[in-house]
């Protein structure tokens, strides 16, 4: 009898360690294309968002990062408020840059 095990497929992932007491580790997976595009778009605008101090746009960045962080192998869901409590905007900006770099590297590997 033949069998197929989805668990045998290795997924690309980015391990992230949060700056909390527990130093929580989360293994992020590749999101849907729409979320990856949203992350790339917001990352391209980080400097302007940071300089403008536009509360609405900063909120959107945190929301996007919460969505990205919720795509993980631990099946943990993150909220915007939770991220705001442990990550400042510099943390968020650095994460966005690293995450988009991770996605670009995956895209290069496929080509």
PDB file of N, CA and C in Angstrom:
ATOM      1  N   UNK A   1       0.842  -1.179   0.000  1.00  0.00           N
ATOM      2  CA  UNK A   1       0.000   0.000   0.000  1.00  0.00           C
ATOM      3  C   UNK A   1       0.888   1.244   0.000  1.00  0.00           C
ATOM      4  N   UNK A   2       0.544   2.213  -0.830  1.00  0.00           N
ATOM      5  CA  UNK A   2       1.263   3.482  -0.882  1.00  0.00           C
ATOM      6  C   UNK A   2       0.685   4.427   0.154  1.00  0.00           C
ATOM      7  N   UNK A   3       1.535   5.338   0.607  1.00  0.00           N
ATOM      8  CA  UNK A   3       1.037   6.358   1.532  1.00  0.00           C
ATOM      9  C   UNK A   3       1.755   7.671   1.251  1.00  0.00           C
ATOM     10  N   UNK A   4       1.134   8.732   1.691  1.00  0.00           N
ATOM     11  CA  UNK A   4       1.708  10.073   1.543  1.00  0.00           C
ATOM     12  C   UNK A   4       1.529  10.796   2.866  1.00  0.00           C
ATOM     13  N   UNK A   5       2.622  11.334   3.385  1.00  0.00           N
ATOM     14  CA  UNK A   5       2.580  12.005   4.679  1.00  0.00           C
ATOM     15  C   UNK A   5       2.962  13.477   4.494  1.00  0.00           C
ATOM     16  N   UNK A   6       2.005  14.373   4.668  1.00  0.00           N
ATOM     17  CA  UNK A   6       2.274  15.802   4.556  1.00  0.00           C
ATOM     18  C   UNK A   6       3.341  16.259   5.549  1.00  0.00           C
ATOM     19  N   UNK A   7       3.433  15.592   6.684  1.00  0.00           N
ATOM     20  CA  UNK A   7       4.410  15.967   7.711  1.00  0.00           C
ATOM     21  C   UNK A   7       5.848  15.723   7.267  1.00  0.00           C
ATOM     22  N   UNK A   8       6.036  14.919   6.236  1.00  0.00           N
ATOM     23  CA  UNK A   8       7.380  14.621   5.745  1.00  0.00           C
ATOM     24  C   UNK A   8       7.931  15.754   4.870  1.00  0.00           C
ATOM     25  N   UNK A   9       7.062  16.649   4.448  1.00  0.00           N
ATOM     26  CA  UNK A   9       7.488  17.763   3.595  1.00  0.00           C
ATOM     27  C   UNK A   9       8.104  18.843   4.468  1.00  0.00           C
ATOM     28  N   UNK A  10       9.330  19.195   4.155  1.00  0.00           N
ATOM     29  CA  UNK A  10       9.991  20.249   4.924  1.00  0.00           C
ATOM     30  C   UNK A  10       9.575  21.613   4.375  1.00  0.00           C
ATOM     31  N   UNK A  11       9.054  22.431   5.251  1.00  0.00           N
ATOM     32  CA  UNK A  11       8.650  23.772   4.866  1.00  0.00           C
ATOM     33  C   UNK A  11       9.764  24.754   5.173  1.00  0.00           C
ATOM     34  N   UNK A  12       9.962  25.722   4.295  1.00  0.00           N
ATOM     35  CA  UNK A  12      10.919  26.771   4.637  1.00  0.00           C
ATOM     36  C   UNK A  12      10.372  27.542   5.838  1.00  0.00           C
ATOM     37  N   UNK A  13      11.252  27.925   6.734  1.00  0.00           N
ATOM     38  CA  UNK A  13      10.787  28.677   7.899  1.00  0.00           C
ATOM     39  C   UNK A  13      11.860  29.638   8.375  1.00  0.00           C
ATOM     40  N   UNK A  14      11.399  30.622   9.114  1.00  0.00           N
ATOM     41  CA  UNK A  14      12.266  31.615   9.737  1.00  0.00           C
ATOM     42  C   UNK A  14      11.980  31.558  11.226  1.00  0.00           C
ATOM     43  N   UNK A  15      13.004  31.231  12.008  1.00  0.00           N
ATOM     44  CA  UNK A  15      12.805  31.171  13.460  1.00  0.00           C
ATOM     45  C   UNK A  15      12.996  32.564  14.041  1.00  0.00           C
ATOM     46  N   UNK A  16      12.029  32.993  14.825  1.00  0.00           N
ATOM     47  CA  UNK A  16      12.028  34.319  15.442  1.00  0.00           C
ATOM     48  C   UNK A  16      12.017  34.137  16.957  1.00  0.00           C
ATOM     49  N   UNK A  17      12.859  34.900  17.644  1.00  0.00           N
ATOM     50  CA  UNK A  17      12.879  34.877  19.101  1.00  0.00           C
ATOM     51  C   UNK A  17      12.375  36.221  19.604  1.00  0.00           C
ATOM     52  N   UNK A  18      11.327  36.189  20.399  1.00  0.00           N
ATOM     53  CA  UNK A  18      10.734  37.417  20.927  1.00  0.00           C
ATOM     54  C   UNK A  18      11.535  37.933  22.119  1.00  0.00           C
ATOM     55  N   UNK A  19      11.541  39.251  22.327  1.00  0.00           N
ATOM     56  CA  UNK A  19      12.297  39.827  23.440  1.00  0.00           C
ATOM     57  C   UNK A  19      11.507  39.835  24.751  1.00  0.00           C
ATOM     58  N   UNK A  20      10.929  38.691  25.105  1.00  0.00           N
ATOM     59  CA  UNK A  20      10.205  38.589  26.375  1.00  0.00           C
ATOM     60  C   UNK A  20      11.026  37.762  27.361  1.00  0.00           C
ATOM     61  N   UNK A  21      10.551  37.642  28.587  1.00  0.00           N
ATOM     62  CA  UNK A  21      11.284  36.892  29.618  1.00  0.00           C
ATOM     63  C   UNK A  21      11.575  35.460  29.184  1.00  0.00           C
ATOM     64  N   UNK A  22      10.606  34.852  28.529  1.00  0.00           N
ATOM     65  CA  UNK A  22      10.731  33.454  28.122  1.00  0.00           C
ATOM     66  C   UNK A  22      11.561  33.289  26.851  1.00  0.00           C
ATOM     67  N   UNK A  23      11.830  34.400  26.173  1.00  0.00           N
ATOM     68  CA  UNK A  23      12.491  34.388  24.864  1.00  0.00           C
ATOM     69  C   UNK A  23      11.793  33.378  23.949  1.00  0.00           C
ATOM     70  N   UNK A  24      10.506  33.573  23.812  1.00  0.00           N
ATOM     71  CA  UNK A  24       9.650  32.702  23.023  1.00  0.00           C
ATOM     72  C   UNK A  24      10.162  32.587  21.595  1.00  0.00           C
ATOM     73  N   UNK A  25      10.257  31.362  21.106  1.00  0.00           N
ATOM     74  CA  UNK A  25      10.665  31.110  19.727  1.00  0.00           C
ATOM     75  C   UNK A  25       9.448  30.698  18.918  1.00  0.00           C
ATOM     76  N   UNK A  26       9.361  31.255  17.726  1.00  0.00           N
ATOM     77  CA  UNK A  26       8.273  30.943  16.814  1.00  0.00           C
ATOM     78  C   UNK A  26       8.885  30.660  15.453  1.00  0.00           C
ATOM     79  N   UNK A  27       8.438  29.580  14.830  1.00  0.00           N
ATOM     80  CA  UNK A  27       8.936  29.221  13.502  1.00  0.00           C
ATOM     81  C   UNK A  27       7.910  29.660  12.460  1.00  0.00           C
ATOM     82  N   UNK A  28       8.264  30.747  11.757  1.00  0.00           N
ATOM     83  CA  UNK A  28       7.350  31.319  10.772  1.00  0.00           C
ATOM     84  C   UNK A  28       7.453  30.571   9.453  1.00  0.00           C
ATOM     85  N   UNK A  29       6.304  30.390   8.834  1.00  0.00           N
ATOM     86  CA  UNK A  29       6.240  29.727   7.535  1.00  0.00           C
ATOM     87  C   UNK A  29       5.938  30.761   6.454  1.00  0.00           C
ATOM     88  N   UNK A  30       5.923  30.313   5.235  1.00  0.00           N
ATOM     89  CA  UNK A  30       5.645  31.202   4.110  1.00  0.00           C
ATOM     90  C   UNK A  30       4.135  31.469   4.074  1.00  0.00           C
ATOM     91  N   UNK A  31       3.747  32.749   4.041  1.00  0.00           N
ATOM     92  CA  UNK A  31       2.311  33.077   4.038  1.00  0.00           C
ATOM     93  C   UNK A  31       1.719  32.974   2.640  1.00  0.00           C
ATOM     94  N   UNK A  32       0.438  33.213   2.559  1.00  0.00           N
ATOM     95  CA  UNK A  32      -0.216  33.297   1.255  1.00  0.00           C
ATOM     96  C   UNK A  32       0.395  34.456   0.481  1.00  0.00           C
ATOM     97  N   UNK A  33       0.305  34.402  -0.820  1.00  0.00           N
ATOM     98  CA  UNK A  33       0.904  35.414  -1.686  1.00  0.00           C
ATOM     99  C   UNK A  33       0.425  36.816  -1.343  1.00  0.00           C
ATOM    100  N   UNK A  34      -0.843  36.973  -1.044  1.00  0.00           N
ATOM    101  CA  UNK A  34      -1.379  38.310  -0.753  1.00  0.00           C
ATOM    102  C   UNK A  34      -0.724  38.911   0.490  1.00  0.00           C
ATOM    103  N   UNK A  35      -0.471  38.101   1.511  1.00  0.00           N
ATOM    104  CA  UNK A  35       0.170  38.603   2.727  1.00  0.00           C
ATOM    105  C   UNK A  35       1.647  38.899   2.466  1.00  0.00           C
ATOM    106  N   UNK A  36       2.310  38.086   1.667  1.00  0.00           N
ATOM    107  CA  UNK A  36       3.712  38.338   1.315  1.00  0.00           C
ATOM    108  C   UNK A  36       3.829  39.663   0.556  1.00  0.00           C
ATOM    109  N   UNK A  37       2.898  39.923  -0.360  1.00  0.00           N
ATOM    110  CA  UNK A  37       2.907  41.181  -1.119  1.00  0.00           C
ATOM    111  C   UNK A  37       2.636  42.367  -0.196  1.00  0.00           C
ATOM    112  N   UNK A  38       1.733  42.192   0.732  1.00  0.00           N
ATOM    113  CA  UNK A  38       1.416  43.246   1.705  1.00  0.00           C
ATOM    114  C   UNK A  38       2.645  43.565   2.561  1.00  0.00           C
ATOM    115  N   UNK A  39       3.363  42.532   2.987  1.00  0.00           N
ATOM    116  CA  UNK A  39       4.584  42.711   3.789  1.00  0.00           C
ATOM    117  C   UNK A  39       5.638  43.465   2.989  1.00  0.00           C
ATOM    118  N   UNK A  40       5.810  43.101   1.731  1.00  0.00           N
ATOM    119  CA  UNK A  40       6.800  43.767   0.880  1.00  0.00           C
ATOM    120  C   UNK A  40       6.435  45.231   0.663  1.00  0.00           C
ATOM    121  N   UNK A  41       5.155  45.500   0.460  1.00  0.00           N
ATOM    122  CA  UNK A  41       4.692  46.870   0.245  1.00  0.00           C
ATOM    123  C   UNK A  41       4.929  47.738   1.470  1.00  0.00           C
ATOM    124  N   UNK A  42       4.558  47.228   2.619  1.00  0.00           N
ATOM    125  CA  UNK A  42       4.727  47.991   3.861  1.00  0.00           C
ATOM    126  C   UNK A  42       6.212  48.187   4.168  1.00  0.00           C
ATOM    127  N   UNK A  43       7.015  47.157   3.917  1.00  0.00           N
ATOM    128  CA  UNK A  43       8.450  47.256   4.184  1.00  0.00           C
ATOM    129  C   UNK A  43       9.087  48.351   3.336  1.00  0.00           C
ATOM    130  N   UNK A  44       8.629  48.477   2.106  1.00  0.00           N
ATOM    131  CA  UNK A  44       9.161  49.518   1.220  1.00  0.00           C
ATOM    132  C   UNK A  44       8.845  50.923   1.740  1.00  0.00           C
ATOM    133  N   UNK A  45       7.807  51.052   2.546  1.00  0.00           N
ATOM    134  CA  UNK A  45       7.377  52.360   3.052  1.00  0.00           C
ATOM    135  C   UNK A  45       7.776  52.623   4.505  1.00  0.00           C
ATOM    136  N   UNK A  46       8.540  51.720   5.115  1.00  0.00           N
ATOM    137  CA  UNK A  46       8.850  51.839   6.545  1.00  0.00           C
ATOM    138  C   UNK A  46       9.481  53.171   6.931  1.00  0.00           C
ATOM    139  N   UNK A  47      10.421  53.630   6.131  1.00  0.00           N
ATOM    140  CA  UNK A  47      11.112  54.877   6.470  1.00  0.00           C
ATOM    141  C   UNK A  47      10.127  56.045   6.523  1.00  0.00           C
ATOM    142  N   UNK A  48       9.289  56.152   5.497  1.00  0.00           N
ATOM    143  CA  UNK A  48       8.307  57.245   5.468  1.00  0.00           C
ATOM    144  C   UNK A  48       7.308  57.135   6.617  1.00  0.00           C
ATOM    145  N   UNK A  49       6.881  55.902   6.907  1.00  0.00           N
ATOM    146  CA  UNK A  49       5.922  55.693   7.995  1.00  0.00           C
ATOM    147  C   UNK A  49       6.539  56.109   9.327  1.00  0.00           C
ATOM    148  N   UNK A  50       7.770  55.717   9.536  1.00  0.00           N
ATOM    149  CA  UNK A  50       8.468  56.049  10.778  1.00  0.00           C
ATOM    150  C   UNK A  50       8.652  57.558  10.927  1.00  0.00           C
ATOM    151  N   UNK A  51       9.043  58.212   9.845  1.00  0.00           N
ATOM    152  CA  UNK A  51       9.282  59.656   9.891  1.00  0.00           C
ATOM    153  C   UNK A  51       7.991  60.451  10.043  1.00  0.00           C
ATOM    154  N   UNK A  52       6.917  59.974   9.427  1.00  0.00           N
ATOM    155  CA  UNK A  52       5.653  60.719   9.466  1.00  0.00           C
ATOM    156  C   UNK A  52       4.922  60.554  10.798  1.00  0.00           C
ATOM    157  N   UNK A  53       5.233  59.480  11.523  1.00  0.00           N
ATOM    158  CA  UNK A  53       4.564  59.182  12.799  1.00  0.00           C
ATOM    159  C   UNK A  53       3.043  59.082  12.614  1.00  0.00           C
ATOM    160  N   UNK A  54       2.631  58.645  11.418  1.00  0.00           N
ATOM    161  CA  UNK A  54       1.221  58.480  11.090  1.00  0.00           C
ATOM    162  C   UNK A  54       0.664  57.281  11.864  1.00  0.00           C
ATOM    163  N   UNK A  55      -0.174  57.552  12.862  1.00  0.00           N
ATOM    164  CA  UNK A  55      -0.720  56.508  13.731  1.00  0.00           C
ATOM    165  C   UNK A  55      -1.467  55.427  12.977  1.00  0.00           C
ATOM    166  N   UNK A  56      -2.223  55.818  11.962  1.00  0.00           N
ATOM    167  CA  UNK A  56      -2.986  54.850  11.174  1.00  0.00           C
ATOM    168  C   UNK A  56      -2.046  53.890  10.455  1.00  0.00           C
ATOM    169  N   UNK A  57      -1.009  54.419   9.832  1.00  0.00           N
ATOM    170  CA  UNK A  57      -0.074  53.578   9.087  1.00  0.00           C
ATOM    171  C   UNK A  57       0.752  52.691  10.039  1.00  0.00           C
ATOM    172  N   UNK A  58       1.140  53.230  11.168  1.00  0.00           N
ATOM    173  CA  UNK A  58       1.876  52.425  12.154  1.00  0.00           C
ATOM    174  C   UNK A  58       1.000  51.268  12.622  1.00  0.00           C
ATOM    175  N   UNK A  59      -0.273  51.541  12.852  1.00  0.00           N
ATOM    176  CA  UNK A  59      -1.219  50.484  13.236  1.00  0.00           C
ATOM    177  C   UNK A  59      -1.289  49.422  12.149  1.00  0.00           C
ATOM    178  N   UNK A  60      -1.332  49.831  10.886  1.00  0.00           N
ATOM    179  CA  UNK A  60      -1.384  48.872   9.766  1.00  0.00           C
ATOM    180  C   UNK A  60      -0.135  48.005   9.721  1.00  0.00           C
ATOM    181  N   UNK A  61       1.023  48.591  10.018  1.00  0.00           N
ATOM    182  CA  UNK A  61       2.268  47.817  10.035  1.00  0.00           C
ATOM    183  C   UNK A  61       2.186  46.752  11.126  1.00  0.00           C
ATOM    184  N   UNK A  62       1.760  47.150  12.329  1.00  0.00           N
ATOM    185  CA  UNK A  62       1.628  46.189  13.424  1.00  0.00           C
ATOM    186  C   UNK A  62       0.609  45.092  13.079  1.00  0.00           C
ATOM    187  N   UNK A  63      -0.490  45.468  12.442  1.00  0.00           N
ATOM    188  CA  UNK A  63      -1.492  44.479  12.045  1.00  0.00           C
ATOM    189  C   UNK A  63      -0.913  43.474  11.057  1.00  0.00           C
ATOM    190  N   UNK A  64      -0.134  43.977  10.099  1.00  0.00           N
ATOM    191  CA  UNK A  64       0.476  43.102   9.106  1.00  0.00           C
ATOM    192  C   UNK A  64       1.477  42.160   9.764  1.00  0.00           C
ATOM    193  N   UNK A  65       2.291  42.687  10.669  1.00  0.00           N
ATOM    194  CA  UNK A  65       3.262  41.840  11.366  1.00  0.00           C
ATOM    195  C   UNK A  65       2.546  40.795  12.228  1.00  0.00           C
ATOM    196  N   UNK A  66       1.447  41.162  12.848  1.00  0.00           N
ATOM    197  CA  UNK A  66       0.677  40.187  13.631  1.00  0.00           C
ATOM    198  C   UNK A  66       0.168  39.060  12.730  1.00  0.00           C
ATOM    199  N   UNK A  67      -0.280  39.402  11.531  1.00  0.00           N
ATOM    200  CA  UNK A  67      -0.728  38.385  10.569  1.00  0.00           C
ATOM    201  C   UNK A  67       0.430  37.466  10.181  1.00  0.00           C
ATOM    202  N   UNK A  68       1.582  38.079   9.889  1.00  0.00           N
ATOM    203  CA  UNK A  68       2.759  37.300   9.498  1.00  0.00           C
ATOM    204  C   UNK A  68       3.188  36.377  10.636  1.00  0.00           C
ATOM    205  N   UNK A  69       3.276  36.939  11.839  1.00  0.00           N
ATOM    206  CA  UNK A  69       3.720  36.156  12.993  1.00  0.00           C
ATOM    207  C   UNK A  69       2.747  35.018  13.310  1.00  0.00           C
ATOM    208  N   UNK A  70       1.501  35.169  12.904  1.00  0.00           N
ATOM    209  CA  UNK A  70       0.497  34.137  13.151  1.00  0.00           C
ATOM    210  C   UNK A  70       0.585  32.974  12.159  1.00  0.00           C
ATOM    211  N   UNK A  71       1.420  33.116  11.139  1.00  0.00           N
ATOM    212  CA  UNK A  71       1.677  32.015  10.191  1.00  0.00           C
ATOM    213  C   UNK A  71       2.876  31.240  10.710  1.00  0.00           C
ATOM    214  N   UNK A  72       2.643  30.392  11.692  1.00  0.00           N
ATOM    215  CA  UNK A  72       3.765  29.697  12.321  1.00  0.00           C
ATOM    216  C   UNK A  72       3.441  28.227  12.565  1.00  0.00           C
ATOM    217  N   UNK A  73       4.489  27.455  12.756  1.00  0.00           N
ATOM    218  CA  UNK A  73       4.343  26.014  12.965  1.00  0.00           C
ATOM    219  C   UNK A  73       3.824  25.665  14.358  1.00  0.00           C
ATOM    220  N   UNK A  74       3.837  26.629  15.255  1.00  0.00           N
ATOM    221  CA  UNK A  74       3.317  26.409  16.607  1.00  0.00           C
ATOM    222  C   UNK A  74       1.812  26.656  16.693  1.00  0.00           C
ATOM    223  N   UNK A  75       1.230  27.152  15.603  1.00  0.00           N
ATOM    224  CA  UNK A  75      -0.198  27.481  15.539  1.00  0.00           C
ATOM    225  C   UNK A  75      -0.585  28.525  16.586  1.00  0.00           C
ATOM    226  N   UNK A  76       0.323  29.433  16.849  1.00  0.00           N
ATOM    227  CA  UNK A  76       0.065  30.506  17.806  1.00  0.00           C
ATOM    228  C   UNK A  76      -0.459  31.719  17.051  1.00  0.00           C
ATOM    229  N   UNK A  77      -1.450  32.367  17.610  1.00  0.00           N
ATOM    230  CA  UNK A  77      -2.009  33.574  17.017  1.00  0.00           C
ATOM    231  C   UNK A  77      -1.492  34.781  17.785  1.00  0.00           C
ATOM    232  N   UNK A  78      -1.059  35.793  17.046  1.00  0.00           N
ATOM    233  CA  UNK A  78      -0.573  37.029  17.650  1.00  0.00           C
ATOM    234  C   UNK A  78      -1.555  38.151  17.377  1.00  0.00           C
ATOM    235  N   UNK A  79      -1.694  39.042  18.346  1.00  0.00           N
ATOM    236  CA  UNK A  79      -2.545  40.214  18.165  1.00  0.00           C
ATOM    237  C   UNK A  79      -1.668  41.456  18.034  1.00  0.00           C
ATOM    238  N   UNK A  80      -2.251  42.479  17.483  1.00  0.00           N
ATOM    239  CA  UNK A  80      -1.555  43.753  17.347  1.00  0.00           C
ATOM    240  C   UNK A  80      -1.159  44.286  18.721  1.00  0.00           C
ATOM    241  N   UNK A  81      -2.069  44.225  19.669  1.00  0.00           N
ATOM    242  CA  UNK A  81      -1.794  44.729  21.023  1.00  0.00           C
ATOM    243  C   UNK A  81      -0.665  43.955  21.694  1.00  0.00           C
ATOM    244  N   UNK A  82      -0.657  42.653  21.513  1.00  0.00           N
ATOM    245  CA  UNK A  82       0.412  41.831  22.083  1.00  0.00           C
ATOM    246  C   UNK A  82       1.773  42.261  21.538  1.00  0.00           C
ATOM    247  N   UNK A  83       1.829  42.505  20.230  1.00  0.00           N
ATOM    248  CA  UNK A  83       3.092  42.940  19.626  1.00  0.00           C
ATOM    249  C   UNK A  83       3.483  44.339  20.088  1.00  0.00           C
ATOM    250  N   UNK A  84       2.508  45.216  20.220  1.00  0.00           N
ATOM    251  CA  UNK A  84       2.804  46.572  20.697  1.00  0.00           C
ATOM    252  C   UNK A  84       3.363  46.555  22.110  1.00  0.00           C
ATOM    253  N   UNK A  85       2.959  45.574  22.906  1.00  0.00           N
ATOM    254  CA  UNK A  85       3.440  45.477  24.285  1.00  0.00           C
ATOM    255  C   UNK A  85       4.873  44.973  24.390  1.00  0.00           C
ATOM    256  N   UNK A  86       5.349  44.261  23.377  1.00  0.00           N
ATOM    257  CA  UNK A  86       6.713  43.722  23.491  1.00  0.00           C
ATOM    258  C   UNK A  86       7.671  44.195  22.408  1.00  0.00           C
ATOM    259  N   UNK A  87       7.162  44.827  21.343  1.00  0.00           N
ATOM    260  CA  UNK A  87       8.023  45.271  20.247  1.00  0.00           C
ATOM    261  C   UNK A  87       7.810  46.747  19.945  1.00  0.00           C
ATOM    262  N   UNK A  88       8.890  47.517  19.934  1.00  0.00           N
ATOM    263  CA  UNK A  88       8.760  48.909  19.514  1.00  0.00           C
ATOM    264  C   UNK A  88       8.843  48.971  17.989  1.00  0.00           C
ATOM    265  N   UNK A  89       8.687  50.160  17.431  1.00  0.00           N
ATOM    266  CA  UNK A  89       8.642  50.263  15.977  1.00  0.00           C
ATOM    267  C   UNK A  89       9.972  49.883  15.338  1.00  0.00           C
ATOM    268  N   UNK A  90      11.083  50.123  16.026  1.00  0.00           N
ATOM    269  CA  UNK A  90      12.389  49.727  15.489  1.00  0.00           C
ATOM    270  C   UNK A  90      12.480  48.204  15.382  1.00  0.00           C
ATOM    271  N   UNK A  91      11.945  47.489  16.392  1.00  0.00           N
ATOM    272  CA  UNK A  91      11.885  46.023  16.319  1.00  0.00           C
ATOM    273  C   UNK A  91      11.070  45.595  15.097  1.00  0.00           C
ATOM    274  N   UNK A  92       9.920  46.222  14.944  1.00  0.00           N
ATOM    275  CA  UNK A  92       9.011  45.873  13.852  1.00  0.00           C
ATOM    276  C   UNK A  92       9.673  46.123  12.502  1.00  0.00           C
ATOM    277  N   UNK A  93      10.337  47.271  12.366  1.00  0.00           N
ATOM    278  CA  UNK A  93      11.004  47.604  11.102  1.00  0.00           C
ATOM    279  C   UNK A  93      12.106  46.589  10.792  1.00  0.00           C
ATOM    280  N   UNK A  94      12.918  46.254  11.782  1.00  0.00           N
ATOM    281  CA  UNK A  94      13.993  45.282  11.578  1.00  0.00           C
ATOM    282  C   UNK A  94      13.418  43.918  11.191  1.00  0.00           C
ATOM    283  N   UNK A  95      12.326  43.533  11.838  1.00  0.00           N
ATOM    284  CA  UNK A  95      11.682  42.260  11.509  1.00  0.00           C
ATOM    285  C   UNK A  95      11.186  42.269  10.066  1.00  0.00           C
ATOM    286  N   UNK A  96      10.514  43.343   9.675  1.00  0.00           N
ATOM    287  CA  UNK A  96       9.977  43.425   8.308  1.00  0.00           C
ATOM    288  C   UNK A  96      11.082  43.274   7.271  1.00  0.00           C
ATOM    289  N   UNK A  97      12.181  43.964   7.483  1.00  0.00           N
ATOM    290  CA  UNK A  97      13.304  43.879   6.542  1.00  0.00           C
ATOM    291  C   UNK A  97      13.843  42.448   6.465  1.00  0.00           C
ATOM    292  N   UNK A  98      13.992  41.811   7.613  1.00  0.00           N
ATOM    293  CA  UNK A  98      14.508  40.438   7.637  1.00  0.00           C
ATOM    294  C   UNK A  98      13.522  39.462   6.999  1.00  0.00           C
ATOM    295  N   UNK A  99      12.237  39.652   7.277  1.00  0.00           N
ATOM    296  CA  UNK A  99      11.229  38.751   6.736  1.00  0.00           C
ATOM    297  C   UNK A  99      11.136  38.845   5.215  1.00  0.00           C
ATOM    298  N   UNK A 100      11.167  40.061   4.701  1.00  0.00           N
ATOM    299  CA  UNK A 100      11.110  40.240   3.244  1.00  0.00           C
ATOM    300  C   UNK A 100      12.371  39.658   2.602  1.00  0.00           C
ATOM    301  N   UNK A 101      13.508  39.805   3.259  1.00  0.00           N
ATOM    302  CA  UNK A 101      14.747  39.194   2.771  1.00  0.00           C
ATOM    303  C   UNK A 101      14.608  37.670   2.737  1.00  0.00           C
ATOM    304  N   UNK A 102      14.029  37.086   3.773  1.00  0.00           N
ATOM    305  CA  UNK A 102      13.758  35.651   3.835  1.00  0.00           C
ATOM    306  C   UNK A 102      12.903  35.215   2.642  1.00  0.00           C
ATOM    307  N   UNK A 103      11.843  35.963   2.347  1.00  0.00           N
ATOM    308  CA  UNK A 103      10.963  35.622   1.229  1.00  0.00           C
ATOM    309  C   UNK A 103      11.681  35.761  -0.109  1.00  0.00           C
ATOM    310  N   UNK A 104      12.496  36.813  -0.258  1.00  0.00           N
ATOM    311  CA  UNK A 104      13.267  36.989  -1.503  1.00  0.00           C
ATOM    312  C   UNK A 104      14.233  35.831  -1.724  1.00  0.00           C
ATOM    313  N   UNK A 105      14.910  35.412  -0.646  1.00  0.00           N
ATOM    314  CA  UNK A 105      15.839  34.287  -0.764  1.00  0.00           C
ATOM    315  C   UNK A 105      15.123  33.017  -1.200  1.00  0.00           C
ATOM    316  N   UNK A 106      13.929  32.795  -0.683  1.00  0.00           N
ATOM    317  CA  UNK A 106      13.134  31.622  -1.095  1.00  0.00           C
ATOM    318  C   UNK A 106      12.772  31.698  -2.569  1.00  0.00           C
ATOM    319  N   UNK A 107      12.412  32.891  -3.003  1.00  0.00           N
ATOM    320  CA  UNK A 107      12.032  33.080  -4.399  1.00  0.00           C
ATOM    321  C   UNK A 107      13.227  32.804  -5.311  1.00  0.00           C
ATOM    322  N   UNK A 108      14.423  33.261  -4.900  1.00  0.00           N
ATOM    323  CA  UNK A 108      15.639  33.021  -5.676  1.00  0.00           C
ATOM    324  C   UNK A 108      15.938  31.536  -5.759  1.00  0.00           C
ATOM    325  N   UNK A 109      15.746  30.805  -4.668  1.00  0.00           N
ATOM    326  CA  UNK A 109      15.993  29.362  -4.645  1.00  0.00           C
ATOM    327  C   UNK A 109      15.096  28.626  -5.629  1.00  0.00           C
ATOM    328  N   UNK A 110      13.867  29.087  -5.774  1.00  0.00           N
ATOM    329  CA  UNK A 110      12.925  28.423  -6.673  1.00  0.00           C
ATOM    330  C   UNK A 110      13.281  28.644  -8.138  1.00  0.00           C
ATOM    331  N   UNK A 111      13.934  29.772  -8.420  1.00  0.00           N
ATOM    332  CA  UNK A 111      14.270  30.088  -9.832  1.00  0.00           C
ATOM    333  C   UNK A 111      15.558  29.503 -10.239  1.00  0.00           C
TER     334      UNK A 111
END
